[in-house]
Amino acid sequence: MLEFIEVPLGHGGAVTCGRCGRSEAADYRRAFDITAEVQAACAAWGGKPGPNVALTGPEPFRHPELDTLLASAARAGVKRLRLDTDGAALAHSGNAAAALSAGVRHVRVRLLGGSPGVHDALASAPGGQERALRGMREFAEAAERAGVRVAVSAHVPACRHNVSDLPAAVTAAVEAGARHVVVDVADPSLDVAAAMPWLAAACDSGTVNSAWVELAGVPYCLAGAYALHLVPLMRPVVPLARGDRCTSCLLTEVCGGVLEGAAPQVKAALAPPSDEERLVESIRRAYLAPTGPGELE
């Protein structure tokens, strides 16, 4: 998956579950400050494919200087520009085509559920899901008319109030044109272990519909066979000291698996290594040792 540097347009204002907490009103940053951050991201990008920048946070189409921001991103050298949106503005006549003309090639639409009964209720926005899905379709159709390749994706925040609807949310997004869906465990009160069957079903819903689902906020040790779906997809293998960390979670100090009733593999990961494990590790290190000139490879 492509890497994007996320540049927030401000604070608050995004589509969130109203039952988890009250949504804050949108507070937009100045175009000057946003542009400076985009320029800095481009300057520091390096040799990876890009630069790729995502404008995140509150609804971009309500930013009073959006046209200026898009033009500035193009001048800064952004190769791939993504807008994170609720999708409603894209459903309005001409907005999708205008975004394409300004250089937007990626859009990510936030969904809270797979049906209006879930999404609209949680977002307190009657008709919100229909507008979001219509916006995704309109952007894809505008791109097809213009002969431009684009990427449509979805962001599904998972919480206690929509966890059973995650598979339907993924299916709805894919049917609207998304080929990439991020299911993000954003609710700290959600029991991830208990939610794993629904999270796994969401991944399966994407697979059977030829779309990729990524899981964010899920501890490595709880993902099981779905570990490949974790964000980031490529996890660096780093040595960790046993005892104070879970060795199954390569990037966390103490993960959600260190709980009462934790999975057996988690308890095993926290236990001191056995003589057999030490032998296997020594063999592994021998085979992974770097080779020099003239040595076998």
Protein backbone atom coordinates (compact mmCIF):
# COMPACT_ATOMS: atom_id res chain seq x y z
CA MET A 1 0.00 0.00 0.00
CA LEU A 2 1.13 3.54 -0.70
CA GLU A 3 2.40 5.60 2.20
CA PHE A 4 0.80 9.01 2.75
CA ILE A 5 1.95 11.81 5.03
CA GLU A 6 -1.18 13.05 6.78
CA VAL A 7 -1.54 16.81 7.10
CA PRO A 8 -4.52 17.87 9.24
CA LEU A 9 -6.71 20.69 8.00
CA GLY A 10 -7.76 21.44 11.56
CA HIS A 11 -9.43 19.83 14.53
CA GLY A 12 -12.85 18.29 15.12
CA GLY A 13 -15.63 18.18 12.58
CA ALA A 14 -15.07 14.63 11.30
CA VAL A 15 -17.84 12.02 11.16
CA THR A 16 -17.74 10.22 14.51
CA CYS A 17 -20.00 8.03 16.61
CA GLY A 18 -22.22 10.29 18.66
CA ARG A 19 -22.76 7.58 21.26
CA CYS A 20 -19.04 7.33 22.00
CA GLY A 21 -18.81 11.05 22.65
CA ARG A 22 -19.84 14.43 21.39
CA SER A 23 -18.22 15.51 18.12
CA GLU A 24 -16.27 18.75 18.31
CA ALA A 25 -17.06 21.59 15.93
CA ALA A 26 -14.60 22.00 13.06
CA ASP A 27 -11.75 24.41 13.71
CA TYR A 28 -9.74 24.94 10.50
CA ARG A 29 -6.07 25.88 10.30
CA ARG A 30 -4.82 28.71 8.10
CA ALA A 31 -3.91 27.79 4.52
CA PHE A 32 -0.44 29.29 5.09
CA ASP A 33 0.34 26.85 7.93
CA ILE A 34 -1.06 23.84 6.08
CA THR A 35 0.91 24.69 2.94
CA ALA A 36 4.12 25.01 4.95
CA GLU A 37 3.58 21.54 6.40
CA VAL A 38 2.89 20.08 2.94
CA GLN A 39 6.08 21.67 1.59
CA ALA A 40 8.08 20.27 4.50
CA ALA A 41 6.65 16.80 3.89
CA CYS A 42 7.64 16.95 0.22
CA ALA A 43 11.15 18.18 1.03
CA ALA A 44 11.72 15.34 3.49
CA TRP A 45 10.13 12.60 1.41
CA GLY A 46 13.26 10.79 0.21
CA GLY A 47 13.45 8.14 -2.52
CA LYS A 48 10.13 6.40 -1.94
CA PRO A 49 7.33 6.64 -4.55
CA GLY A 50 5.72 10.01 -4.03
CA PRO A 51 5.54 12.47 -2.35
CA ASN A 52 2.04 11.46 -1.26
CA VAL A 53 0.02 13.74 1.00
CA ALA A 54 -3.39 13.25 2.60
CA LEU A 55 -5.41 16.22 3.84
CA THR A 56 -7.17 14.87 6.92
CA GLY A 57 -9.31 16.08 9.82
CA PRO A 58 -12.45 18.15 9.34
CA GLU A 59 -14.37 18.12 6.06
CA PRO A 60 -12.02 19.49 3.36
CA PHE A 61 -14.80 20.87 1.17
CA ARG A 62 -15.80 23.23 3.98
CA HIS A 63 -12.33 24.74 4.29
CA PRO A 64 -12.65 28.35 3.09
CA GLU A 65 -9.34 28.16 1.20
CA LEU A 66 -9.51 24.67 -0.28
CA ASP A 67 -8.76 25.87 -3.83
CA THR A 68 -5.62 27.60 -2.61
CA LEU A 69 -4.53 24.51 -0.68
CA LEU A 70 -4.92 22.19 -3.67
CA ALA A 71 -3.01 24.54 -5.95
CA SER A 72 -0.24 24.92 -3.36
CA ALA A 73 0.06 21.14 -2.99
CA ALA A 74 0.56 20.81 -6.74
CA ARG A 75 3.24 23.51 -6.74
CA ALA A 76 4.98 21.83 -3.80
CA GLY A 77 5.45 18.70 -5.89
CA VAL A 78 2.83 16.39 -4.37
CA LYS A 79 2.49 13.41 -6.70
CA ARG A 80 -0.54 11.82 -5.07
CA LEU A 81 -3.02 13.95 -3.17
CA ARG A 82 -5.74 12.39 -1.04
CA LEU A 83 -8.76 14.04 0.53
CA ASP A 84 -10.37 12.47 3.59
CA THR A 85 -14.04 13.42 3.41
CA ASP A 86 -17.53 12.44 4.48
CA GLY A 87 -18.29 12.08 0.77
CA ALA A 88 -21.35 14.32 0.73
CA ALA A 89 -19.71 17.17 -1.20
CA LEU A 90 -18.55 14.79 -3.91
CA ALA A 91 -22.17 13.87 -4.54
CA HIS A 92 -22.98 17.47 -5.47
CA SER A 93 -22.88 18.38 -9.15
CA GLY A 94 -19.45 19.37 -10.39
CA ASN A 95 -17.48 18.89 -7.16
CA ALA A 96 -15.97 15.54 -8.15
CA ALA A 97 -14.87 16.88 -11.54
CA ALA A 98 -13.45 20.02 -9.92
CA ALA A 99 -11.45 17.93 -7.45
CA LEU A 100 -10.02 15.90 -10.30
CA SER A 101 -9.09 19.06 -12.19
CA ALA A 102 -7.26 20.32 -9.08
CA GLY A 103 -5.12 17.18 -8.95
CA VAL A 104 -6.96 15.02 -6.41
CA ARG A 105 -6.49 11.36 -7.32
CA HIS A 106 -7.30 9.65 -4.03
CA VAL A 107 -10.34 10.07 -1.80
CA ARG A 108 -11.08 8.28 1.46
CA VAL A 109 -14.65 8.39 2.74
CA ARG A 110 -15.59 7.73 6.35
CA LEU A 111 -18.41 5.29 7.07
CA LEU A 112 -19.83 4.29 10.44
CA GLY A 113 -22.03 1.45 9.22
CA GLY A 114 -23.29 -0.63 6.36
CA SER A 115 -26.82 0.66 6.44
CA PRO A 116 -28.49 4.05 6.94
CA GLY A 117 -29.98 2.73 10.14
CA VAL A 118 -26.51 2.42 11.66
CA HIS A 119 -24.45 5.13 9.96
CA ASP A 120 -27.05 7.88 10.06
CA ALA A 121 -28.05 7.14 13.64
CA LEU A 122 -24.51 7.11 14.98
CA ALA A 123 -23.46 10.17 12.98
CA SER A 124 -26.73 12.02 13.73
CA ALA A 125 -26.91 12.78 10.00
CA PRO A 126 -30.10 11.65 8.23
CA GLY A 127 -29.21 10.65 4.70
CA GLY A 128 -25.49 10.74 5.50
CA GLN A 129 -24.67 7.23 4.36
CA GLU A 130 -26.52 7.60 1.05
CA ARG A 131 -24.64 10.83 0.32
CA ALA A 132 -21.31 9.26 1.26
CA LEU A 133 -21.77 6.26 -1.02
CA ARG A 134 -23.11 8.44 -3.83
CA GLY A 135 -20.08 10.71 -3.50
CA MET A 136 -17.74 7.73 -3.87
CA ARG A 137 -19.54 6.60 -7.00
CA GLU A 138 -19.64 10.09 -8.47
CA PHE A 139 -15.89 10.57 -8.00
CA ALA A 140 -15.15 7.24 -9.70
CA GLU A 141 -17.57 7.98 -12.55
CA ALA A 142 -16.14 11.48 -13.06
CA ALA A 143 -12.67 9.99 -13.27
CA GLU A 144 -13.81 7.42 -15.82
CA ARG A 145 -15.37 10.16 -17.96
CA ALA A 146 -12.14 12.13 -17.78
CA GLY A 147 -9.97 9.10 -18.50
CA VAL A 148 -8.09 9.53 -15.20
CA ARG A 149 -7.00 6.72 -12.87
CA VAL A 150 -8.05 7.28 -9.27
CA ALA A 151 -8.23 5.36 -6.00
CA VAL A 152 -11.34 5.31 -3.82
CA SER A 153 -11.05 4.00 -0.28
CA ALA A 154 -13.03 4.02 2.95
CA HIS A 155 -12.24 4.54 6.62
CA VAL A 156 -14.52 2.71 9.08
CA PRO A 157 -13.97 3.63 12.76
CA ALA A 158 -14.91 0.60 14.88
CA CYS A 159 -16.57 1.02 18.25
CA ARG A 160 -18.91 -0.75 20.66
CA HIS A 161 -21.90 0.62 18.78
CA ASN A 162 -21.12 -0.56 15.25
CA VAL A 163 -18.82 -3.58 15.68
CA SER A 164 -21.46 -6.08 14.53
CA ASP A 165 -22.06 -3.97 11.41
CA LEU A 166 -18.42 -3.85 10.27
CA PRO A 167 -18.77 -6.57 7.59
CA ALA A 168 -21.76 -4.76 6.12
CA ALA A 169 -19.88 -1.44 6.20
CA VAL A 170 -17.00 -2.97 4.23
CA THR A 171 -19.42 -4.48 1.71
CA ALA A 172 -21.23 -1.17 1.25
CA ALA A 173 -17.94 0.66 0.68
CA VAL A 174 -16.75 -1.90 -1.86
CA GLU A 175 -20.04 -1.82 -3.74
CA ALA A 176 -19.64 1.97 -3.97
CA GLY A 177 -16.22 1.60 -5.59
CA ALA A 178 -13.72 1.28 -2.73
CA ARG A 179 -10.87 -1.16 -3.26
CA HIS A 180 -9.19 -0.44 0.07
CA VAL A 181 -10.90 -0.15 3.45
CA VAL A 182 -9.28 0.69 6.79
CA VAL A 183 -11.21 -0.64 9.80
CA ASP A 184 -9.88 1.39 12.70
CA VAL A 185 -10.47 0.39 16.33
CA ALA A 186 -10.90 3.92 17.65
CA ASP A 187 -12.90 3.12 20.78
CA PRO A 188 -10.64 2.46 23.80
CA SER A 189 -13.56 0.76 25.57
CA LEU A 190 -14.02 -1.83 22.82
CA ASP A 191 -13.01 -5.35 23.90
CA VAL A 192 -10.82 -6.19 20.91
CA ALA A 193 -10.60 -9.89 21.76
CA ALA A 194 -14.39 -10.18 21.84
CA ALA A 195 -14.65 -8.10 18.66
CA MET A 196 -12.18 -10.20 16.65
CA PRO A 197 -14.88 -12.38 15.00
CA TRP A 198 -16.49 -9.23 13.59
CA LEU A 199 -13.14 -7.74 12.60
CA ALA A 200 -12.21 -11.01 10.89
CA ALA A 201 -15.56 -11.08 9.10
CA ALA A 202 -14.91 -7.53 7.88
CA CYS A 203 -11.60 -8.69 6.38
CA ASP A 204 -13.36 -11.64 4.74
CA SER A 205 -16.03 -9.33 3.33
CA GLY A 206 -13.32 -7.40 1.57
CA THR A 207 -11.55 -10.51 0.30
CA VAL A 208 -14.63 -12.04 -1.32
CA ASN A 209 -15.36 -8.69 -2.97
CA SER A 210 -11.81 -8.23 -4.34
CA ALA A 211 -10.90 -5.42 -1.92
CA TRP A 212 -8.20 -5.21 0.74
CA VAL A 213 -9.13 -4.50 4.36
CA GLU A 214 -6.55 -3.20 6.81
CA LEU A 215 -7.01 -3.37 10.58
CA ALA A 216 -5.76 -0.53 12.75
CA GLY A 217 -5.65 -0.60 16.53
CA VAL A 218 -5.63 -4.41 16.78
CA PRO A 219 -2.79 -5.97 18.85
CA TYR A 220 -0.62 -8.33 16.86
CA CYS A 221 -1.15 -11.20 19.28
CA LEU A 222 -4.93 -11.05 18.90
CA ALA A 223 -4.98 -10.98 15.11
CA GLY A 224 -4.13 -14.63 14.63
CA ALA A 225 -4.56 -15.66 10.99
CA TYR A 226 -5.48 -12.06 10.14
CA ALA A 227 -2.13 -10.57 11.15
CA LEU A 228 -1.39 -9.74 7.50
CA HIS A 229 -4.27 -7.25 7.64
CA LEU A 230 -2.67 -5.19 10.39
CA VAL A 231 -1.51 -1.62 9.87
CA PRO A 232 1.29 -1.23 8.98
CA LEU A 233 1.37 -4.25 6.71
CA MET A 234 5.15 -4.63 6.91
CA ARG A 235 6.31 -4.88 10.53
CA PRO A 236 10.05 -4.55 11.21
CA VAL A 237 11.45 -7.45 13.18
CA VAL A 238 13.27 -6.00 16.17
CA PRO A 239 14.76 -7.84 19.17
CA LEU A 240 12.72 -7.41 22.32
CA ALA A 241 13.63 -8.28 25.87
CA ARG A 242 11.42 -10.94 27.37
CA GLY A 243 9.48 -10.27 30.53
CA ASP A 244 8.51 -6.62 30.19
CA ARG A 245 7.06 -6.82 26.73
CA CYS A 246 4.95 -9.21 24.70
CA THR A 247 7.27 -10.64 22.05
CA SER A 248 4.32 -11.30 19.76
CA CYS A 249 3.66 -7.54 19.50
CA LEU A 250 6.69 -6.19 17.72
CA LEU A 251 5.84 -2.52 18.05
CA THR A 252 4.21 -2.14 21.45
CA GLU A 253 5.37 -2.06 25.04
CA VAL A 254 2.35 -3.90 26.48
CA CYS A 255 -0.38 -4.91 24.08
CA GLY A 256 -4.03 -5.76 24.54
CA GLY A 257 -3.14 -9.44 24.73
CA VAL A 258 -1.63 -9.01 28.18
CA LEU A 259 -4.95 -9.40 29.92
CA GLU A 260 -6.64 -11.90 32.17
CA GLY A 261 -7.47 -14.89 30.03
CA ALA A 262 -4.89 -13.97 27.39
CA ALA A 263 -4.32 -16.36 24.53
CA PRO A 264 -1.88 -19.24 25.22
CA GLN A 265 0.58 -17.92 22.62
CA VAL A 266 0.71 -14.61 24.48
CA LYS A 267 1.50 -16.28 27.78
CA ALA A 268 4.14 -18.35 26.03
CA ALA A 269 5.65 -15.20 24.57
CA LEU A 270 5.98 -13.69 28.03
CA ALA A 271 7.58 -16.80 29.53
CA PRO A 272 11.37 -17.26 29.72
CA PRO A 273 12.80 -19.06 26.66
CA SER A 274 13.27 -22.81 26.90
CA ASP A 275 16.49 -24.64 25.97
CA GLU A 276 14.84 -25.71 22.71
CA GLU A 277 13.89 -22.11 21.90
CA ARG A 278 17.44 -20.97 22.57
CA LEU A 279 18.75 -23.62 20.15
CA VAL A 280 16.27 -22.61 17.44
CA GLU A 281 17.19 -18.95 17.91
CA SER A 282 20.91 -19.68 17.60
CA ILE A 283 20.31 -21.59 14.35
CA ARG A 284 18.10 -18.79 13.03
CA ARG A 285 20.75 -16.19 13.79
CA ALA A 286 23.41 -18.31 12.06
CA TYR A 287 21.37 -18.51 8.87
CA LEU A 288 20.43 -14.84 8.97
CA ALA A 289 24.00 -13.65 9.58
CA PRO A 290 25.21 -11.32 6.80
CA THR A 291 27.56 -12.84 4.27
CA GLY A 292 30.68 -11.16 2.95
CA PRO A 293 32.56 -11.35 -0.35
CA GLY A 294 33.53 -14.89 -1.23
CA GLU A 295 31.18 -16.50 1.28
CA LEU A 296 28.18 -18.65 0.48
CA GLU A 297 24.90 -16.77 -0.07
